Every structure is written in C-alpha cells, then in structure tokens.
Amino acid sequence: MPERPQAMFAMTAQNVPHVFPPELLARLRACVDIDPAVVAHDLTEPRVREALARTEVLITGWGCPRLDAAALDAAPKLRAVLHAAGSVKGFTTPEVWRRGIVVSSAAAANALPVAEYTLAMILLAGKDVFAFRDRLRTRRTFPYGDIVPGIGNHGRRVGVVGASRIGRRLIELLRPYDLTVTLADPYVDAPEAARLGVPLLELDELLRTSDIVTLHAPQTPETRHLVGARELALMPGGSVLINTARGALVDHEALIEELRAGRLSAVLDVTDPEPLPADSPLFDLPNAFVTPHLAGSQGNEVARLGRTVVEEAERLSSGAALLHTVDQAGLDRTA
C-alpha cells in the first residue's frame, strides 16, 4: 500500500465528528488520504461511487451499508475495512473475506463501557437499589438505622454467561469485590476458566446457584431464547437477570410472567423487539429496569472507538500488523 492510502468513511454522517473529534481526525488524515466531506451511507450515490473506485481503506461505523458483491465490485482497490464500532456482522458478507479484504473492529474498545455498565448494575442490584428508590419516592420516609436483611454485595453470587470480550472484561472488573463469580460458556474449557480465575459451570447449574445472572453471549440461531421459561424457573426466587448482550437471548414472554409473579427482577439494556412497543409491560413492571441500549459506547465514549481505528490506520500505513482483526471463522461465536 502507498504511504497514505486512499480512504473513505462509510457510516452515518452525523456520527463522524463524534467518533473522530478534531484531534483524532487530524491523526487519521496524517496516515490516510480521506475527505471528511464524503461519507458513504448509500454506496450507489454517484459521488460515493467515484470515491469508492479509488478507495483502499474503508472507515466504517454505525450505519455502514452492506458490503456485498456489487458494492465490492465498485471498490476494486479495497484492501481493508476498519470498523469504528463493535460487531461487523450487520454489514459484512462472505464476499469480503473471499476477496482477501482485511477487517478490523473496535469491538474490544466497545466492550469496556458495556462491562462497566454491567458492573454498576450488579452492585446496584445487589443492594436492591431500584426497589428501594421506588419505595422511598412513594413513602418519602424510611426507617433510618435499621439493618435491611436480604440485600448487600458481600458474597453475592454472580453468574456470567459467555466469555466474550465483555464477559472477560467484566470478570476482571469484578475481582476487587467480595463476590462469588462463576462462568458458563460451551466454548471455554476448565483450564481456560482457571486462567480467567472463575469456576466453570453448566448453564443450568449457574442459573440455580446465582443471585445475579448476566448475559454476554452472542445472538446465533442456537442462542435464541437461551434463557426461556425452563431456565428462568431454575433461578432462585429474588434473583436478578441482567441482559446487555442481545434481546433475543431471552424469551420475553416467559420473563414477563416471572416478573409479574414477583419472583425475579431484570435489568434490560437490550430487548426483543428493539425498541419495545409502547404498550410493553416491561415499561411498567416495578421489578423491570429497562434502559435504551446505552451500555455500549455513548457520548464521549465513542471517541475511544475512533482512537482504536486511528491506531489501526497508523499501523496499516506503516506496514505493521493490525491488532484487532476479525476472524471470519469466529463470527458465529461473536455478537
């Protein structure tokens, strides 16, 4: 590749200045030849097609159009896709790898805020903060000085489902706390779990023995409704389900029944469908805490994604190996 390869943005245009603020954009332009005014959201636009014909590096993000054979035919010089977000499954096709195009993703950077969000929710759920906030709002008083039984994070049992990037980062973040952490993942063996510092359990056993279950598995045909009525029934009364992975991992109808019965609580940053219909019971159930898919990079956190891509672009232009390449063979095991 030339010292400054031709590059183009392919994402939602309004995201570019957030993901690549001025200092990052300057670094990017120092290592690739890119016009910030040309942002491809539709690869069929004449101006985009003209630029695409020269493009060697595609800087992608949320809103990137699908890279199918027709799109790639219009980009005969394309050699690398650097994705300033997490999953590439939504826009890549097998044709990308068939043509030998290298794909890099900022998924590792995007894992950090998700793990941080999950850590916060685990600690808050352990203190039953959501229920107590509602009671305080209703009653406007509380029995000051009383010890509240049944809450607290000393020895609380946390089950992590999925040793993904997020799951592994969460396990690291949980280490300083007096929590008992276990893992369920069919692709992890006992020696690897030992290296992660957690006992490896079958999913059913993890569900039976956890006070808080947090999901970090990918969405695949095999993991759809991974947690359904049978699995929810295994969870102890008073336990909490946290989902920051994909909404389809949970059978929402079965979860709603458990929530209505008051047996379980849930923290859901992702839902199925997404967004939820306005009349969904999950908005009103007191033991459901629903947030609008914000665990991942938001606000100032998205610049971390841009920095990851800039660093990859700098490696690419200098001839160094990329650090965050995506393996096609592992796509069915990732988000």
Protein backbone atom coordinates (compact mmCIF):
# COMPACT_ATOMS: atom_id res chain seq x y z
CA MET A 1 0.00 0.00 0.00
CA PRO A 2 1.17 3.58 -0.55
CA GLU A 3 2.28 5.59 2.45
CA ARG A 4 -1.07 7.37 2.64
CA PRO A 5 -3.68 5.02 1.22
CA GLN A 6 -6.92 6.39 -0.15
CA ALA A 7 -9.69 6.04 2.43
CA MET A 8 -13.37 6.84 2.77
CA PHE A 9 -15.92 6.97 5.59
CA ALA A 10 -18.89 4.60 5.35
CA MET A 11 -21.28 5.28 8.22
CA THR A 12 -24.00 7.65 9.38
CA ALA A 13 -22.62 11.10 8.57
CA GLN A 14 -23.62 12.78 11.82
CA ASN A 15 -21.59 10.24 13.79
CA VAL A 16 -18.28 11.10 12.13
CA PRO A 17 -17.43 14.20 14.25
CA HIS A 18 -18.36 12.36 17.45
CA VAL A 19 -16.31 9.26 16.69
CA PHE A 20 -13.46 11.28 15.18
CA PRO A 21 -13.22 14.60 17.03
CA PRO A 22 -10.70 17.12 15.63
CA GLU A 23 -7.55 15.71 17.21
CA LEU A 24 -8.36 12.16 16.10
CA LEU A 25 -9.41 13.27 12.63
CA ALA A 26 -6.09 15.07 12.26
CA ARG A 27 -4.21 11.90 13.20
CA LEU A 28 -6.32 9.88 10.77
CA ARG A 29 -5.70 12.31 7.91
CA ALA A 30 -1.97 12.17 8.64
CA CYS A 31 -1.87 8.46 7.80
CA VAL A 32 -4.62 8.08 5.17
CA ASP A 33 -5.91 10.35 2.42
CA ILE A 34 -9.53 10.88 3.40
CA ASP A 35 -12.10 13.59 2.70
CA PRO A 36 -14.36 14.09 5.75
CA ALA A 37 -16.99 15.65 3.49
CA VAL A 38 -17.51 12.34 1.66
CA VAL A 39 -19.36 9.93 3.92
CA ALA A 40 -20.99 6.91 2.34
CA HIS A 41 -24.36 5.90 3.71
CA ASP A 42 -25.52 4.77 0.27
CA LEU A 43 -22.86 3.19 -1.92
CA THR A 44 -24.88 3.84 -5.08
CA GLU A 45 -24.61 7.66 -4.95
CA PRO A 46 -22.55 8.95 -7.91
CA ARG A 47 -20.10 10.94 -5.76
CA VAL A 48 -19.64 7.97 -3.47
CA ARG A 49 -19.15 5.58 -6.39
CA GLU A 50 -16.47 7.82 -7.80
CA ALA A 51 -14.62 7.90 -4.48
CA LEU A 52 -15.19 4.19 -3.91
CA ALA A 53 -13.34 3.36 -7.12
CA ARG A 54 -10.17 4.84 -5.58
CA THR A 55 -10.71 3.60 -2.02
CA GLU A 56 -8.18 1.26 -0.46
CA VAL A 57 -9.35 1.60 3.15
CA LEU A 58 -12.96 1.89 4.26
CA ILE A 59 -13.51 3.51 7.67
CA THR A 60 -16.86 2.12 8.76
CA GLY A 61 -19.22 2.65 11.68
CA TRP A 62 -22.87 2.53 12.66
CA GLY A 63 -24.98 2.91 9.54
CA CYS A 64 -22.45 1.36 7.18
CA PRO A 65 -24.15 0.00 4.05
CA ARG A 66 -23.87 -3.71 3.26
CA LEU A 67 -20.64 -4.73 1.58
CA ASP A 68 -21.99 -7.24 -0.90
CA ALA A 69 -20.50 -8.30 -4.23
CA ALA A 70 -21.98 -5.32 -6.09
CA ALA A 71 -20.53 -2.84 -3.60
CA LEU A 72 -17.14 -4.54 -3.65
CA ASP A 73 -17.10 -4.63 -7.45
CA ALA A 74 -17.26 -0.83 -7.29
CA ALA A 75 -14.21 -0.81 -4.98
CA PRO A 76 -11.59 -2.87 -6.83
CA LYS A 77 -8.71 -1.38 -4.80
CA LEU A 78 -10.26 -2.02 -1.39
CA ARG A 79 -7.84 -3.86 0.90
CA ALA A 80 -9.00 -3.09 4.43
CA VAL A 81 -12.13 -2.29 6.42
CA LEU A 82 -11.54 -0.56 9.77
CA HIS A 83 -14.75 -0.59 11.80
CA ALA A 84 -15.25 2.12 14.43
CA ALA A 85 -17.85 0.10 16.33
CA GLY A 86 -18.35 -3.43 17.60
CA SER A 87 -19.95 -6.17 15.52
CA VAL A 88 -19.25 -6.34 11.77
CA LYS A 89 -21.91 -9.00 11.15
CA GLY A 90 -24.53 -6.46 10.11
CA PHE A 91 -22.72 -5.18 7.03
CA THR A 92 -20.01 -7.64 6.00
CA THR A 93 -20.68 -10.58 3.71
CA PRO A 94 -18.62 -13.71 2.90
CA GLU A 95 -17.55 -11.88 -0.26
CA VAL A 96 -15.41 -9.54 1.86
CA TRP A 97 -13.23 -12.40 3.08
CA ARG A 98 -13.33 -14.23 -0.25
CA ARG A 99 -11.61 -11.20 -1.79
CA GLY A 100 -8.94 -11.15 0.90
CA ILE A 101 -10.03 -7.86 2.44
CA VAL A 102 -8.74 -7.43 5.98
CA VAL A 103 -11.40 -6.47 8.54
CA SER A 104 -10.59 -4.81 11.86
CA SER A 105 -13.08 -3.88 14.57
CA ALA A 106 -13.12 -1.66 17.66
CA ALA A 107 -15.17 -4.31 19.47
CA ALA A 108 -12.59 -4.55 22.24
CA ALA A 109 -12.93 -0.82 22.91
CA ASN A 110 -16.72 -1.04 22.81
CA ALA A 111 -16.61 -3.86 25.35
CA LEU A 112 -15.28 -1.55 28.06
CA PRO A 113 -18.38 0.61 28.68
CA VAL A 114 -20.67 -2.42 28.46
CA ALA A 115 -18.66 -4.18 31.15
CA GLU A 116 -18.64 -1.01 33.26
CA TYR A 117 -22.42 -0.63 32.92
CA THR A 118 -22.90 -4.26 33.89
CA LEU A 119 -20.63 -3.91 36.91
CA ALA A 120 -22.65 -0.91 38.07
CA MET A 121 -25.93 -2.77 37.61
CA ILE A 122 -24.64 -5.81 39.52
CA LEU A 123 -23.65 -3.68 42.50
CA LEU A 124 -26.89 -1.69 42.43
CA ALA A 125 -28.99 -4.84 42.06
CA GLY A 126 -27.17 -6.42 45.00
CA LYS A 127 -28.35 -3.54 47.17
CA ASP A 128 -31.84 -3.72 45.60
CA VAL A 129 -31.41 -0.04 44.79
CA PHE A 130 -34.17 0.11 42.19
CA ALA A 131 -36.91 -1.20 44.51
CA PHE A 132 -35.77 0.93 47.44
CA ARG A 133 -35.70 4.06 45.30
CA ASP A 134 -39.31 3.46 44.30
CA ARG A 135 -40.35 2.84 47.90
CA LEU A 136 -38.63 5.99 49.07
CA ARG A 137 -40.26 8.00 46.29
CA THR A 138 -43.68 6.67 47.36
CA ARG A 139 -43.34 6.83 51.15
CA ARG A 140 -40.95 9.82 51.48
CA THR A 141 -39.51 8.26 54.61
CA PHE A 142 -37.56 5.20 55.69
CA PRO A 143 -36.57 3.51 58.97
CA TYR A 144 -33.19 5.15 59.43
CA GLY A 145 -30.63 2.94 61.18
CA ASP A 146 -32.40 -0.37 60.59
CA ILE A 147 -30.42 -3.20 59.03
CA VAL A 148 -32.24 -4.36 55.90
CA PRO A 149 -31.98 -8.15 55.56
CA GLY A 150 -31.58 -9.88 52.22
CA ILE A 151 -29.51 -7.22 50.45
CA GLY A 152 -25.82 -6.50 50.10
CA ASN A 153 -22.87 -7.46 47.94
CA HIS A 154 -20.84 -9.48 50.44
CA GLY A 155 -20.69 -12.98 48.97
CA ARG A 156 -23.34 -12.26 46.37
CA ARG A 157 -23.20 -14.96 43.69
CA VAL A 158 -22.80 -13.62 40.14
CA GLY A 159 -23.11 -15.92 37.12
CA VAL A 160 -21.54 -14.71 33.88
CA VAL A 161 -22.98 -16.36 30.75
CA GLY A 162 -20.49 -16.04 27.93
CA ALA A 163 -16.73 -15.42 27.99
CA SER A 164 -16.95 -12.81 25.25
CA ARG A 165 -14.75 -9.71 25.29
CA ILE A 166 -17.36 -8.09 27.52
CA GLY A 167 -17.74 -11.16 29.71
CA ARG A 168 -13.98 -11.41 30.22
CA ARG A 169 -13.62 -7.70 30.95
CA LEU A 170 -16.50 -7.93 33.44
CA ILE A 171 -14.79 -10.83 35.22
CA GLU A 172 -11.70 -8.62 35.58
CA LEU A 173 -13.76 -5.73 36.94
CA LEU A 174 -15.50 -7.98 39.48
CA ARG A 175 -12.24 -9.23 41.04
CA PRO A 176 -11.83 -6.48 43.68
CA TYR A 177 -15.29 -7.12 45.14
CA ASP A 178 -16.43 -9.68 47.69
CA LEU A 179 -18.49 -11.52 45.12
CA THR A 180 -18.53 -15.18 44.09
CA VAL A 181 -18.26 -15.26 40.28
CA THR A 182 -18.90 -18.28 38.05
CA LEU A 183 -18.92 -18.73 34.28
CA ALA A 184 -20.94 -20.74 31.75
CA ASP A 185 -19.65 -20.97 28.18
CA PRO A 186 -19.63 -24.10 25.99
CA TYR A 187 -16.50 -22.88 24.16
CA VAL A 188 -14.42 -22.50 27.32
CA ASP A 189 -12.68 -25.46 28.97
CA ALA A 190 -11.65 -25.83 32.60
CA PRO A 191 -8.00 -24.73 32.10
CA GLU A 192 -9.09 -21.55 30.34
CA ALA A 193 -11.67 -20.84 33.05
CA ALA A 194 -8.91 -21.33 35.62
CA ARG A 195 -6.82 -18.75 33.79
CA LEU A 196 -9.79 -16.39 33.98
CA GLY A 197 -9.98 -17.13 37.70
CA VAL A 198 -13.56 -18.41 37.77
CA PRO A 199 -15.21 -21.83 38.18
CA LEU A 200 -16.79 -23.19 35.01
CA LEU A 201 -20.37 -24.43 35.34
CA GLU A 202 -23.02 -25.81 33.03
CA LEU A 203 -25.67 -23.18 32.31
CA ASP A 204 -28.36 -24.93 34.38
CA GLU A 205 -26.09 -25.13 37.42
CA LEU A 206 -25.08 -21.48 37.03
CA LEU A 207 -28.73 -20.44 36.91
CA ARG A 208 -29.57 -22.50 40.01
CA THR A 209 -26.68 -21.11 42.06
CA SER A 210 -26.55 -17.42 41.12
CA ASP A 211 -28.18 -14.44 42.77
CA ILE A 212 -27.43 -12.33 39.68
CA VAL A 213 -27.13 -13.73 36.16
CA THR A 214 -25.60 -11.51 33.47
CA LEU A 215 -25.72 -12.41 29.78
CA HIS A 216 -22.77 -11.86 27.43
CA ALA A 217 -23.33 -14.48 24.74
CA PRO A 218 -23.70 -13.74 21.00
CA GLN A 219 -27.00 -13.92 19.16
CA THR A 220 -26.99 -17.01 16.99
CA PRO A 221 -29.71 -19.49 16.00
CA GLU A 222 -28.52 -21.68 18.89
CA THR A 223 -28.69 -18.91 21.50
CA ARG A 224 -32.14 -17.58 20.61
CA HIS A 225 -34.18 -17.80 23.84
CA LEU A 226 -31.14 -19.22 25.59
CA VAL A 227 -32.97 -18.14 28.73
CA GLY A 228 -36.55 -19.27 28.39
CA ALA A 229 -39.30 -20.42 30.76
CA ARG A 230 -37.39 -23.53 31.85
CA GLU A 231 -34.19 -21.62 32.51
CA LEU A 232 -35.93 -18.79 34.34
CA ALA A 233 -37.64 -21.32 36.59
CA LEU A 234 -34.21 -22.58 37.64
CA MET A 235 -33.21 -19.17 39.01
CA PRO A 236 -33.70 -18.74 42.77
CA GLY A 237 -36.51 -16.51 43.97
CA GLY A 238 -35.32 -12.94 44.38
CA SER A 239 -32.53 -13.28 41.82
CA VAL A 240 -31.82 -10.78 39.05
CA LEU A 241 -31.31 -11.26 35.31
CA ILE A 242 -29.15 -8.66 33.51
CA ASN A 243 -29.04 -8.56 29.72
CA THR A 244 -26.64 -6.24 27.89
CA ALA A 245 -25.99 -8.69 25.05
CA ARG A 246 -28.88 -9.19 22.61
CA GLY A 247 -32.60 -9.11 23.37
CA ALA A 248 -33.32 -12.37 21.60
CA LEU A 249 -31.27 -14.33 24.14
CA VAL A 250 -34.26 -14.04 26.50
CA ASP A 251 -37.83 -15.24 25.96
CA HIS A 252 -39.55 -12.00 26.92
CA GLU A 253 -42.99 -13.54 27.36
CA ALA A 254 -41.60 -16.03 29.85
CA LEU A 255 -39.64 -13.29 31.60
CA ILE A 256 -42.71 -11.08 31.88
CA GLU A 257 -44.59 -13.92 33.56
CA GLU A 258 -41.83 -14.32 36.13
CA LEU A 259 -41.71 -10.57 36.72
CA ARG A 260 -45.47 -10.36 37.13
CA ALA A 261 -45.27 -13.13 39.72
CA GLY A 262 -42.68 -11.06 41.56
CA ARG A 263 -40.24 -13.97 41.72
CA LEU A 264 -37.41 -12.36 39.74
CA SER A 265 -36.13 -8.93 38.74
CA ALA A 266 -34.49 -7.88 35.48
CA VAL A 267 -32.16 -5.21 34.17
CA LEU A 268 -32.55 -4.99 30.40
CA ASP A 269 -30.46 -2.73 28.19
CA VAL A 270 -31.43 -4.77 25.12
CA THR A 271 -34.85 -6.14 24.24
CA ASP A 272 -36.66 -8.16 21.60
CA PRO A 273 -38.01 -6.37 19.68
CA GLU A 274 -35.90 -3.26 19.95
CA PRO A 275 -37.23 -0.76 20.69
CA LEU A 276 -40.08 -2.26 22.67
CA PRO A 277 -43.66 -1.49 21.64
CA ALA A 278 -45.10 1.38 23.67
CA ASP A 279 -47.56 -0.93 25.44
CA SER A 280 -44.93 -3.43 26.61
CA PRO A 281 -45.47 -4.47 30.26
CA LEU A 282 -41.71 -4.14 30.78
CA PHE A 283 -42.10 -0.36 30.96
CA ASP A 284 -44.45 -0.57 33.94
CA LEU A 285 -43.42 -3.63 35.92
CA PRO A 286 -41.72 -2.39 39.11
CA ASN A 287 -39.13 -5.16 39.02
CA ALA A 288 -38.01 -4.43 35.44
CA PHE A 289 -35.34 -1.76 34.93
CA VAL A 290 -35.14 -1.03 31.19
CA THR A 291 -32.58 1.27 29.56
CA PRO A 292 -32.42 2.25 25.85
CA HIS A 293 -29.43 0.21 24.61
CA LEU A 294 -26.92 2.63 26.11
CA ALA A 295 -24.48 0.25 27.80
CA GLY A 296 -22.24 0.38 24.74
CA SER A 297 -20.23 3.41 23.71
CA GLN A 298 -22.18 6.64 24.15
CA GLY A 299 -21.29 10.33 24.37
CA ASN A 300 -17.59 10.85 24.98
CA GLU A 301 -17.02 7.08 24.92
CA VAL A 302 -17.40 6.86 21.13
CA ALA A 303 -14.11 8.70 20.66
CA ARG A 304 -12.45 5.60 22.13
CA LEU A 305 -13.75 3.71 19.10
CA GLY A 306 -12.31 6.35 16.80
CA ARG A 307 -8.96 6.20 18.57
CA THR A 308 -8.84 2.43 18.09
CA VAL A 309 -9.44 2.84 14.36
CA VAL A 310 -6.88 5.64 14.04
CA GLU A 311 -4.27 3.46 15.71
CA GLU A 312 -5.13 0.63 13.31
CA ALA A 313 -4.87 3.03 10.36
CA GLU A 314 -1.45 4.17 11.58
CA ARG A 315 -0.31 0.55 11.75
CA LEU A 316 -1.70 -0.12 8.30
CA SER A 317 0.03 2.84 6.67
CA SER A 318 3.35 1.94 8.33
CA GLY A 319 3.16 -1.70 7.26
CA ALA A 320 2.71 -3.03 10.81
CA ALA A 321 0.29 -5.82 11.67
CA LEU A 322 -3.19 -4.83 12.77
CA LEU A 323 -4.14 -5.67 16.35
CA HIS A 324 -7.91 -6.02 16.09
CA THR A 325 -8.55 -8.14 13.00
CA VAL A 326 -11.80 -10.08 12.74
CA ASP A 327 -11.61 -13.81 12.07
CA GLN A 328 -14.37 -14.93 9.73
CA ALA A 329 -14.33 -18.41 11.23
CA GLY A 330 -15.21 -17.00 14.63
CA LEU A 331 -18.10 -14.79 13.53
CA ASP A 332 -20.73 -17.34 14.53
CA ARG A 333 -19.42 -17.13 18.10
CA THR A 334 -19.39 -13.36 18.39
CA ALA A 335 -22.05 -10.67 18.66
